[in-house]
């Protein structure tokens, strides 16, 4: 059922030799607490993300609409830059 093989027994034996039988329960307890804290942290992040999505759905805004909206027309911005360069009115790094 658990699929314990020779390799698992070898690893368990090495861990038992390194930490000893007295520290093994303490090590298991610490490892269990670390896994539980990790799972709690992950579920907290997922819960906050779902809350944000729910809030955006209630407000009527979707993340894709706000991200896909361009700030300005690229052609218009390019023309303004070209006019500034041609007229020479932009900031200059040359010192006279």
PDB file of N, CA and C in Angstrom:
ATOM      1  N   UNK A   1       0.817  -1.185   0.000  1.00  0.00           N
ATOM      2  CA  UNK A   1       0.000   0.000   0.000  1.00  0.00           C
ATOM      3  C   UNK A   1       0.869   1.259   0.000  1.00  0.00           C
ATOM      4  N   UNK A   2       1.889   1.297   0.810  1.00  0.00           N
ATOM      5  CA  UNK A   2       2.737   2.481   0.877  1.00  0.00           C
ATOM      6  C   UNK A   2       3.902   2.416  -0.103  1.00  0.00           C
ATOM      7  N   UNK A   3       4.206   1.252  -0.615  1.00  0.00           N
ATOM      8  CA  UNK A   3       5.282   1.106  -1.589  1.00  0.00           C
ATOM      9  C   UNK A   3       6.660   1.315  -0.991  1.00  0.00           C
ATOM     10  N   UNK A   4       6.925   0.733   0.160  1.00  0.00           N
ATOM     11  CA  UNK A   4       8.241   0.866   0.784  1.00  0.00           C
ATOM     12  C   UNK A   4       9.183  -0.121   0.105  1.00  0.00           C
ATOM     13  N   UNK A   5      10.247   0.415  -0.466  1.00  0.00           N
ATOM     14  CA  UNK A   5      11.208  -0.425  -1.166  1.00  0.00           C
ATOM     15  C   UNK A   5      12.529  -0.436  -0.395  1.00  0.00           C
ATOM     16  N   UNK A   6      13.494  -1.113  -0.953  1.00  0.00           N
ATOM     17  CA  UNK A   6      14.817  -1.187  -0.345  1.00  0.00           C
ATOM     18  C   UNK A   6      15.486   0.166  -0.234  1.00  0.00           C
ATOM     19  N   UNK A   7      15.251   1.023  -1.217  1.00  0.00           N
ATOM     20  CA  UNK A   7      15.848   2.356  -1.189  1.00  0.00           C
ATOM     21  C   UNK A   7      15.283   3.190  -0.043  1.00  0.00           C
ATOM     22  N   UNK A   8      13.980   3.054   0.195  1.00  0.00           N
ATOM     23  CA  UNK A   8      13.370   3.785   1.305  1.00  0.00           C
ATOM     24  C   UNK A   8      13.927   3.311   2.643  1.00  0.00           C
ATOM     25  N   UNK A   9      14.100   2.012   2.774  1.00  0.00           N
ATOM     26  CA  UNK A   9      14.664   1.472   4.014  1.00  0.00           C
ATOM     27  C   UNK A   9      16.106   1.912   4.201  1.00  0.00           C
ATOM     28  N   UNK A  10      16.865   1.989   3.120  1.00  0.00           N
ATOM     29  CA  UNK A  10      18.253   2.454   3.198  1.00  0.00           C
ATOM     30  C   UNK A  10      18.307   3.912   3.653  1.00  0.00           C
ATOM     31  N   UNK A  11      17.462   4.748   3.090  1.00  0.00           N
ATOM     32  CA  UNK A  11      17.424   6.163   3.488  1.00  0.00           C
ATOM     33  C   UNK A  11      17.005   6.283   4.946  1.00  0.00           C
ATOM     34  N   UNK A  12      15.994   5.512   5.362  1.00  0.00           N
ATOM     35  CA  UNK A  12      15.550   5.535   6.759  1.00  0.00           C
ATOM     36  C   UNK A  12      16.681   5.105   7.695  1.00  0.00           C
ATOM     37  N   UNK A  13      17.451   4.082   7.292  1.00  0.00           N
ATOM     38  CA  UNK A  13      18.589   3.631   8.103  1.00  0.00           C
ATOM     39  C   UNK A  13      19.657   4.693   8.227  1.00  0.00           C
ATOM     40  N   UNK A  14      19.957   5.385   7.147  1.00  0.00           N
ATOM     41  CA  UNK A  14      20.976   6.441   7.179  1.00  0.00           C
ATOM     42  C   UNK A  14      20.518   7.593   8.073  1.00  0.00           C
ATOM     43  N   UNK A  15      19.240   7.976   7.962  1.00  0.00           N
ATOM     44  CA  UNK A  15      18.705   9.051   8.808  1.00  0.00           C
ATOM     45  C   UNK A  15      18.757   8.636  10.273  1.00  0.00           C
ATOM     46  N   UNK A  16      18.434   7.382  10.540  1.00  0.00           N
ATOM     47  CA  UNK A  16      18.478   6.869  11.914  1.00  0.00           C
ATOM     48  C   UNK A  16      19.904   6.899  12.454  1.00  0.00           C
ATOM     49  N   UNK A  17      20.888   6.564  11.637  1.00  0.00           N
ATOM     50  CA  UNK A  17      22.284   6.617  12.071  1.00  0.00           C
ATOM     51  C   UNK A  17      22.757   8.053  12.308  1.00  0.00           C
ATOM     52  N   UNK A  18      22.332   8.964  11.454  1.00  0.00           N
ATOM     53  CA  UNK A  18      22.795  10.350  11.577  1.00  0.00           C
ATOM     54  C   UNK A  18      22.172  11.041  12.792  1.00  0.00           C
ATOM     55  N   UNK A  19      20.852  10.927  12.951  1.00  0.00           N
ATOM     56  CA  UNK A  19      20.170  11.670  14.009  1.00  0.00           C
ATOM     57  C   UNK A  19      19.966  10.861  15.285  1.00  0.00           C
ATOM     58  N   UNK A  20      19.968   9.557  15.197  1.00  0.00           N
ATOM     59  CA  UNK A  20      19.775   8.732  16.381  1.00  0.00           C
ATOM     60  C   UNK A  20      18.306   8.547  16.711  1.00  0.00           C
ATOM     61  N   UNK A  21      18.004   7.504  17.490  1.00  0.00           N
ATOM     62  CA  UNK A  21      16.599   7.198  17.792  1.00  0.00           C
ATOM     63  C   UNK A  21      15.935   8.220  18.722  1.00  0.00           C
ATOM     64  N   UNK A  22      16.711   8.950  19.493  1.00  0.00           N
ATOM     65  CA  UNK A  22      16.118   9.919  20.423  1.00  0.00           C
ATOM     66  C   UNK A  22      15.673  11.195  19.717  1.00  0.00           C
ATOM     67  N   UNK A  23      16.407  11.598  18.686  1.00  0.00           N
ATOM     68  CA  UNK A  23      16.076  12.849  17.985  1.00  0.00           C
ATOM     69  C   UNK A  23      15.124  12.636  16.823  1.00  0.00           C
ATOM     70  N   UNK A  24      14.878  11.398  16.416  1.00  0.00           N
ATOM     71  CA  UNK A  24      14.024  11.122  15.266  1.00  0.00           C
ATOM     72  C   UNK A  24      12.587  11.622  15.462  1.00  0.00           C
ATOM     73  N   UNK A  25      11.927  11.403  16.621  1.00  0.00           N
ATOM     74  CA  UNK A  25      10.582  11.954  16.799  1.00  0.00           C
ATOM     75  C   UNK A  25      10.554  13.486  16.781  1.00  0.00           C
ATOM     76  N   UNK A  26      11.583  14.085  17.354  1.00  0.00           N
ATOM     77  CA  UNK A  26      11.678  15.550  17.347  1.00  0.00           C
ATOM     78  C   UNK A  26      11.841  16.074  15.924  1.00  0.00           C
ATOM     79  N   UNK A  27      12.640  15.376  15.130  1.00  0.00           N
ATOM     80  CA  UNK A  27      12.853  15.747  13.736  1.00  0.00           C
ATOM     81  C   UNK A  27      11.555  15.610  12.936  1.00  0.00           C
ATOM     82  N   UNK A  28      10.814  14.532  13.173  1.00  0.00           N
ATOM     83  CA  UNK A  28       9.534  14.344  12.495  1.00  0.00           C
ATOM     84  C   UNK A  28       8.525  15.412  12.870  1.00  0.00           C
ATOM     85  N   UNK A  29       8.503  15.789  14.139  1.00  0.00           N
ATOM     86  CA  UNK A  29       7.594  16.836  14.611  1.00  0.00           C
ATOM     87  C   UNK A  29       7.925  18.176  13.944  1.00  0.00           C
ATOM     88  N   UNK A  30       9.191  18.506  13.875  1.00  0.00           N
ATOM     89  CA  UNK A  30       9.625  19.755  13.253  1.00  0.00           C
ATOM     90  C   UNK A  30       9.290  19.765  11.764  1.00  0.00           C
ATOM     91  N   UNK A  31       9.518  18.642  11.108  1.00  0.00           N
ATOM     92  CA  UNK A  31       9.213  18.541   9.681  1.00  0.00           C
ATOM     93  C   UNK A  31       7.707  18.672   9.441  1.00  0.00           C
ATOM     94  N   UNK A  32       6.894  18.055  10.292  1.00  0.00           N
ATOM     95  CA  UNK A  32       5.442  18.171  10.170  1.00  0.00           C
ATOM     96  C   UNK A  32       4.957  19.600  10.340  1.00  0.00           C
ATOM     97  N   UNK A  33       5.523  20.320  11.313  1.00  0.00           N
ATOM     98  CA  UNK A  33       5.143  21.719  11.528  1.00  0.00           C
ATOM     99  C   UNK A  33       5.536  22.583  10.329  1.00  0.00           C
ATOM    100  N   UNK A  34       6.711  22.307   9.764  1.00  0.00           N
ATOM    101  CA  UNK A  34       7.161  23.086   8.611  1.00  0.00           C
ATOM    102  C   UNK A  34       6.246  22.856   7.410  1.00  0.00           C
ATOM    103  N   UNK A  35       5.844  21.623   7.187  1.00  0.00           N
ATOM    104  CA  UNK A  35       4.945  21.327   6.068  1.00  0.00           C
ATOM    105  C   UNK A  35       3.585  21.981   6.292  1.00  0.00           C
ATOM    106  N   UNK A  36       3.083  21.931   7.531  1.00  0.00           N
ATOM    107  CA  UNK A  36       1.791  22.551   7.846  1.00  0.00           C
ATOM    108  C   UNK A  36       1.848  24.059   7.640  1.00  0.00           C
ATOM    109  N   UNK A  37       2.927  24.716   8.086  1.00  0.00           N
ATOM    110  CA  UNK A  37       3.079  26.164   7.891  1.00  0.00           C
ATOM    111  C   UNK A  37       3.137  26.520   6.411  1.00  0.00           C
ATOM    112  N   UNK A  38       3.832  25.691   5.631  1.00  0.00           N
ATOM    113  CA  UNK A  38       3.931  25.926   4.193  1.00  0.00           C
ATOM    114  C   UNK A  38       2.559  25.821   3.541  1.00  0.00           C
ATOM    115  N   UNK A  39       1.791  24.801   3.898  1.00  0.00           N
ATOM    116  CA  UNK A  39       0.449  24.636   3.335  1.00  0.00           C
ATOM    117  C   UNK A  39      -0.462  25.791   3.729  1.00  0.00           C
ATOM    118  N   UNK A  40      -0.358  26.255   4.977  1.00  0.00           N
ATOM    119  CA  UNK A  40      -1.166  27.390   5.434  1.00  0.00           C
ATOM    120  C   UNK A  40      -0.812  28.657   4.654  1.00  0.00           C
ATOM    121  N   UNK A  41       0.477  28.856   4.412  1.00  0.00           N
ATOM    122  CA  UNK A  41       0.911  30.038   3.666  1.00  0.00           C
ATOM    123  C   UNK A  41       0.411  29.981   2.233  1.00  0.00           C
ATOM    124  N   UNK A  42       0.484  28.825   1.616  1.00  0.00           N
ATOM    125  CA  UNK A  42       0.012  28.678   0.237  1.00  0.00           C
ATOM    126  C   UNK A  42      -1.496  28.901   0.158  1.00  0.00           C
ATOM    127  N   UNK A  43      -2.249  28.336   1.099  1.00  0.00           N
ATOM    128  CA  UNK A  43      -3.705  28.522   1.064  1.00  0.00           C
ATOM    129  C   UNK A  43      -4.075  29.972   1.339  1.00  0.00           C
ATOM    130  N   UNK A  44      -3.290  30.675   2.152  1.00  0.00           N
ATOM    131  CA  UNK A  44      -3.531  32.093   2.392  1.00  0.00           C
ATOM    132  C   UNK A  44      -3.333  32.925   1.145  1.00  0.00           C
ATOM    133  N   UNK A  45      -2.322  32.607   0.364  1.00  0.00           N
ATOM    134  CA  UNK A  45      -2.070  33.324  -0.886  1.00  0.00           C
ATOM    135  C   UNK A  45      -3.194  33.052  -1.877  1.00  0.00           C
ATOM    136  N   UNK A  46      -3.603  31.784  -1.987  1.00  0.00           N
ATOM    137  CA  UNK A  46      -4.694  31.440  -2.903  1.00  0.00           C
ATOM    138  C   UNK A  46      -5.990  32.118  -2.475  1.00  0.00           C
ATOM    139  N   UNK A  47      -6.242  32.164  -1.170  1.00  0.00           N
ATOM    140  CA  UNK A  47      -7.465  32.782  -0.665  1.00  0.00           C
ATOM    141  C   UNK A  47      -7.473  34.279  -0.969  1.00  0.00           C
ATOM    142  N   UNK A  48      -6.340  34.942  -0.780  1.00  0.00           N
ATOM    143  CA  UNK A  48      -6.253  36.374  -1.079  1.00  0.00           C
ATOM    144  C   UNK A  48      -6.446  36.623  -2.568  1.00  0.00           C
ATOM    145  N   UNK A  49      -5.920  35.749  -3.402  1.00  0.00           N
ATOM    146  CA  UNK A  49      -6.073  35.899  -4.838  1.00  0.00           C
ATOM    147  C   UNK A  49      -7.539  35.733  -5.238  1.00  0.00           C
ATOM    148  N   UNK A  50      -8.222  34.757  -4.647  1.00  0.00           N
ATOM    149  CA  UNK A  50      -9.637  34.568  -4.956  1.00  0.00           C
ATOM    150  C   UNK A  50     -10.464  35.756  -4.471  1.00  0.00           C
ATOM    151  N   UNK A  51     -10.106  36.331  -3.328  1.00  0.00           N
ATOM    152  CA  UNK A  51     -10.818  37.515  -2.839  1.00  0.00           C
ATOM    153  C   UNK A  51     -10.665  38.679  -3.800  1.00  0.00           C
ATOM    154  N   UNK A  52      -9.447  38.853  -4.329  1.00  0.00           N
ATOM    155  CA  UNK A  52      -9.185  39.943  -5.271  1.00  0.00           C
ATOM    156  C   UNK A  52      -9.990  39.729  -6.548  1.00  0.00           C
ATOM    157  N   UNK A  53     -10.040  38.514  -7.039  1.00  0.00           N
ATOM    158  CA  UNK A  53     -10.795  38.222  -8.254  1.00  0.00           C
ATOM    159  C   UNK A  53     -12.281  38.457  -8.017  1.00  0.00           C
ATOM    160  N   UNK A  54     -12.785  38.017  -6.852  1.00  0.00           N
ATOM    161  CA  UNK A  54     -14.191  38.240  -6.533  1.00  0.00           C
ATOM    162  C   UNK A  54     -14.512  39.733  -6.438  1.00  0.00           C
ATOM    163  N   UNK A  55     -13.608  40.501  -5.828  1.00  0.00           N
ATOM    164  CA  UNK A  55     -13.823  41.940  -5.688  1.00  0.00           C
ATOM    165  C   UNK A  55     -13.847  42.616  -7.055  1.00  0.00           C
ATOM    166  N   UNK A  56     -12.928  42.228  -7.943  1.00  0.00           N
ATOM    167  CA  UNK A  56     -12.894  42.798  -9.284  1.00  0.00           C
ATOM    168  C   UNK A  56     -14.145  42.419 -10.065  1.00  0.00           C
ATOM    169  N   UNK A  57     -14.653  41.210  -9.858  1.00  0.00           N
ATOM    170  CA  UNK A  57     -15.874  40.784 -10.549  1.00  0.00           C
ATOM    171  C   UNK A  57     -17.068  41.602 -10.061  1.00  0.00           C
ATOM    172  N   UNK A  58     -17.106  41.921  -8.766  1.00  0.00           N
ATOM    173  CA  UNK A  58     -18.203  42.728  -8.231  1.00  0.00           C
ATOM    174  C   UNK A  58     -18.128  44.162  -8.736  1.00  0.00           C
ATOM    175  N   UNK A  59     -16.897  44.683  -8.881  1.00  0.00           N
ATOM    176  CA  UNK A  59     -16.723  46.051  -9.363  1.00  0.00           C
ATOM    177  C   UNK A  59     -16.953  46.156 -10.862  1.00  0.00           C
ATOM    178  N   UNK A  60     -16.941  45.046 -11.561  1.00  0.00           N
ATOM    179  CA  UNK A  60     -17.161  45.048 -13.006  1.00  0.00           C
ATOM    180  C   UNK A  60     -15.887  45.150 -13.808  1.00  0.00           C
ATOM    181  N   UNK A  61     -14.739  45.234 -13.150  1.00  0.00           N
ATOM    182  CA  UNK A  61     -13.475  45.312 -13.862  1.00  0.00           C
ATOM    183  C   UNK A  61     -12.850  43.923 -13.912  1.00  0.00           C
ATOM    184  N   UNK A  62     -12.263  43.607 -15.034  1.00  0.00           N
ATOM    185  CA  UNK A  62     -11.552  42.338 -15.142  1.00  0.00           C
ATOM    186  C   UNK A  62     -10.085  42.635 -15.351  1.00  0.00           C
ATOM    187  N   UNK A  63      -9.220  41.780 -14.846  1.00  0.00           N
ATOM    188  CA  UNK A  63      -7.784  42.042 -15.000  1.00  0.00           C
ATOM    189  C   UNK A  63      -7.344  42.097 -16.458  1.00  0.00           C
ATOM    190  N   UNK A  64      -7.989  41.318 -17.335  1.00  0.00           N
ATOM    191  CA  UNK A  64      -7.576  41.304 -18.734  1.00  0.00           C
ATOM    192  C   UNK A  64      -7.915  42.615 -19.433  1.00  0.00           C
ATOM    193  N   UNK A  65      -9.056  43.227 -19.104  1.00  0.00           N
ATOM    194  CA  UNK A  65      -9.417  44.477 -19.738  1.00  0.00           C
ATOM    195  C   UNK A  65      -8.453  45.589 -19.361  1.00  0.00           C
ATOM    196  N   UNK A  66      -8.063  45.665 -18.105  1.00  0.00           N
ATOM    197  CA  UNK A  66      -7.169  46.737 -17.682  1.00  0.00           C
ATOM    198  C   UNK A  66      -5.765  46.521 -18.217  1.00  0.00           C
ATOM    199  N   UNK A  67      -5.334  45.275 -18.343  1.00  0.00           N
ATOM    200  CA  UNK A  67      -3.983  45.009 -18.821  1.00  0.00           C
ATOM    201  C   UNK A  67      -3.887  45.177 -20.331  1.00  0.00           C
ATOM    202  N   UNK A  68      -4.969  44.942 -21.070  1.00  0.00           N
ATOM    203  CA  UNK A  68      -4.924  44.986 -22.522  1.00  0.00           C
ATOM    204  C   UNK A  68      -5.134  46.394 -23.077  1.00  0.00           C
ATOM    205  N   UNK A  69      -5.531  47.345 -22.264  1.00  0.00           N
ATOM    206  CA  UNK A  69      -5.780  48.703 -22.729  1.00  0.00           C
ATOM    207  C   UNK A  69      -4.446  49.433 -22.888  1.00  0.00           C
ATOM    208  N   UNK A  70      -4.133  49.896 -24.096  1.00  0.00           N
ATOM    209  CA  UNK A  70      -2.862  50.601 -24.278  1.00  0.00           C
ATOM    210  C   UNK A  70      -2.928  52.002 -23.666  1.00  0.00           C
ATOM    211  N   UNK A  71      -1.799  52.507 -23.250  1.00  0.00           N
ATOM    212  CA  UNK A  71      -1.743  53.818 -22.613  1.00  0.00           C
ATOM    213  C   UNK A  71      -1.952  54.938 -23.635  1.00  0.00           C
ATOM    214  N   UNK A  72      -1.395  54.798 -24.814  1.00  0.00           N
ATOM    215  CA  UNK A  72      -1.535  55.807 -25.858  1.00  0.00           C
ATOM    216  C   UNK A  72      -1.375  55.120 -27.201  1.00  0.00           C
ATOM    217  N   UNK A  73      -1.783  55.816 -28.238  1.00  0.00           N
ATOM    218  CA  UNK A  73      -1.614  55.289 -29.585  1.00  0.00           C
ATOM    219  C   UNK A  73      -0.125  55.293 -29.928  1.00  0.00           C
ATOM    220  N   UNK A  74       0.434  54.176 -30.338  1.00  0.00           N
ATOM    221  CA  UNK A  74       1.866  54.152 -30.661  1.00  0.00           C
ATOM    222  C   UNK A  74       2.231  55.075 -31.815  1.00  0.00           C
ATOM    223  N   UNK A  75       1.367  55.169 -32.821  1.00  0.00           N
ATOM    224  CA  UNK A  75       1.680  56.022 -33.967  1.00  0.00           C
ATOM    225  C   UNK A  75       1.725  57.490 -33.556  1.00  0.00           C
ATOM    226  N   UNK A  76       0.777  57.909 -32.708  1.00  0.00           N
ATOM    227  CA  UNK A  76       0.746  59.300 -32.263  1.00  0.00           C
ATOM    228  C   UNK A  76       1.982  59.626 -31.428  1.00  0.00           C
ATOM    229  N   UNK A  77       2.377  58.716 -30.576  1.00  0.00           N
ATOM    230  CA  UNK A  77       3.557  58.939 -29.744  1.00  0.00           C
ATOM    231  C   UNK A  77       4.808  59.013 -30.604  1.00  0.00           C
ATOM    232  N   UNK A  78       4.899  58.153 -31.611  1.00  0.00           N
ATOM    233  CA  UNK A  78       6.058  58.158 -32.501  1.00  0.00           C
ATOM    234  C   UNK A  78       6.128  59.468 -33.278  1.00  0.00           C
ATOM    235  N   UNK A  79       4.980  59.971 -33.736  1.00  0.00           N
ATOM    236  CA  UNK A  79       4.971  61.235 -34.468  1.00  0.00           C
ATOM    237  C   UNK A  79       5.418  62.394 -33.577  1.00  0.00           C
ATOM    238  N   UNK A  80       4.986  62.405 -32.313  1.00  0.00           N
ATOM    239  CA  UNK A  80       5.383  63.479 -31.396  1.00  0.00           C
ATOM    240  C   UNK A  80       6.890  63.461 -31.154  1.00  0.00           C
ATOM    241  N   UNK A  81       7.453  62.258 -31.007  1.00  0.00           N
ATOM    242  CA  UNK A  81       8.893  62.144 -30.800  1.00  0.00           C
ATOM    243  C   UNK A  81       9.631  62.623 -32.038  1.00  0.00           C
ATOM    244  N   UNK A  82       9.133  62.251 -33.217  1.00  0.00           N
ATOM    245  CA  UNK A  82       9.784  62.678 -34.455  1.00  0.00           C
ATOM    246  C   UNK A  82       9.746  64.194 -34.598  1.00  0.00           C
ATOM    247  N   UNK A  83       8.614  64.836 -34.258  1.00  0.00           N
ATOM    248  CA  UNK A  83       8.506  66.290 -34.327  1.00  0.00           C
ATOM    249  C   UNK A  83       9.482  66.963 -33.366  1.00  0.00           C
ATOM    250  N   UNK A  84       9.609  66.411 -32.158  1.00  0.00           N
ATOM    251  CA  UNK A  84      10.507  66.983 -31.168  1.00  0.00           C
ATOM    252  C   UNK A  84      11.951  66.890 -31.631  1.00  0.00           C
ATOM    253  N   UNK A  85      12.318  65.764 -32.216  1.00  0.00           N
ATOM    254  CA  UNK A  85      13.689  65.575 -32.694  1.00  0.00           C
ATOM    255  C   UNK A  85      13.963  66.509 -33.859  1.00  0.00           C
ATOM    256  N   UNK A  86      13.007  66.613 -34.796  1.00  0.00           N
ATOM    257  CA  UNK A  86      13.203  67.477 -35.963  1.00  0.00           C
ATOM    258  C   UNK A  86      13.301  68.946 -35.585  1.00  0.00           C
ATOM    259  N   UNK A  87      12.485  69.379 -34.635  1.00  0.00           N
ATOM    260  CA  UNK A  87      12.485  70.787 -34.259  1.00  0.00           C
ATOM    261  C   UNK A  87      13.628  71.145 -33.320  1.00  0.00           C
ATOM    262  N   UNK A  88      14.185  70.153 -32.660  1.00  0.00           N
ATOM    263  CA  UNK A  88      15.291  70.432 -31.757  1.00  0.00           C
ATOM    264  C   UNK A  88      14.863  71.044 -30.447  1.00  0.00           C
ATOM    265  N   UNK A  89      13.614  70.892 -30.076  1.00  0.00           N
ATOM    266  CA  UNK A  89      13.132  71.514 -28.840  1.00  0.00           C
ATOM    267  C   UNK A  89      13.228  70.591 -27.637  1.00  0.00           C
ATOM    268  N   UNK A  90      13.616  69.360 -27.846  1.00  0.00           N
ATOM    269  CA  UNK A  90      13.702  68.408 -26.740  1.00  0.00           C
ATOM    270  C   UNK A  90      14.913  68.638 -25.877  1.00  0.00           C
ATOM    271  N   UNK A  91      15.032  67.886 -24.777  1.00  0.00           N
ATOM    272  CA  UNK A  91      16.200  68.047 -23.906  1.00  0.00           C
ATOM    273  C   UNK A  91      17.461  67.604 -24.625  1.00  0.00           C
ATOM    274  N   UNK A  92      18.520  68.318 -24.369  1.00  0.00           N
ATOM    275  CA  UNK A  92      19.783  68.043 -25.043  1.00  0.00           C
ATOM    276  C   UNK A  92      20.844  67.694 -24.025  1.00  0.00           C
ATOM    277  N   UNK A  93      21.659  66.713 -24.348  1.00  0.00           N
ATOM    278  CA  UNK A  93      22.740  66.341 -23.440  1.00  0.00           C
ATOM    279  C   UNK A  93      24.047  67.032 -23.806  1.00  0.00           C
ATOM    280  N   UNK A  94      24.027  67.816 -24.887  1.00  0.00           N
ATOM    281  CA  UNK A  94      25.231  68.534 -25.293  1.00  0.00           C
ATOM    282  C   UNK A  94      25.398  69.782 -24.433  1.00  0.00           C
ATOM    283  N   UNK A  95      26.608  70.022 -24.033  1.00  0.00           N
ATOM    284  CA  UNK A  95      26.858  71.257 -23.270  1.00  0.00           C
ATOM    285  C   UNK A  95      27.637  72.220 -24.145  1.00  0.00           C
ATOM    286  N   UNK A  96      27.161  73.474 -24.243  1.00  0.00           N
ATOM    287  CA  UNK A  96      27.804  74.471 -25.118  1.00  0.00           C
ATOM    288  C   UNK A  96      28.606  75.436 -24.322  1.00  0.00           C
TER     289      UNK A  96
END
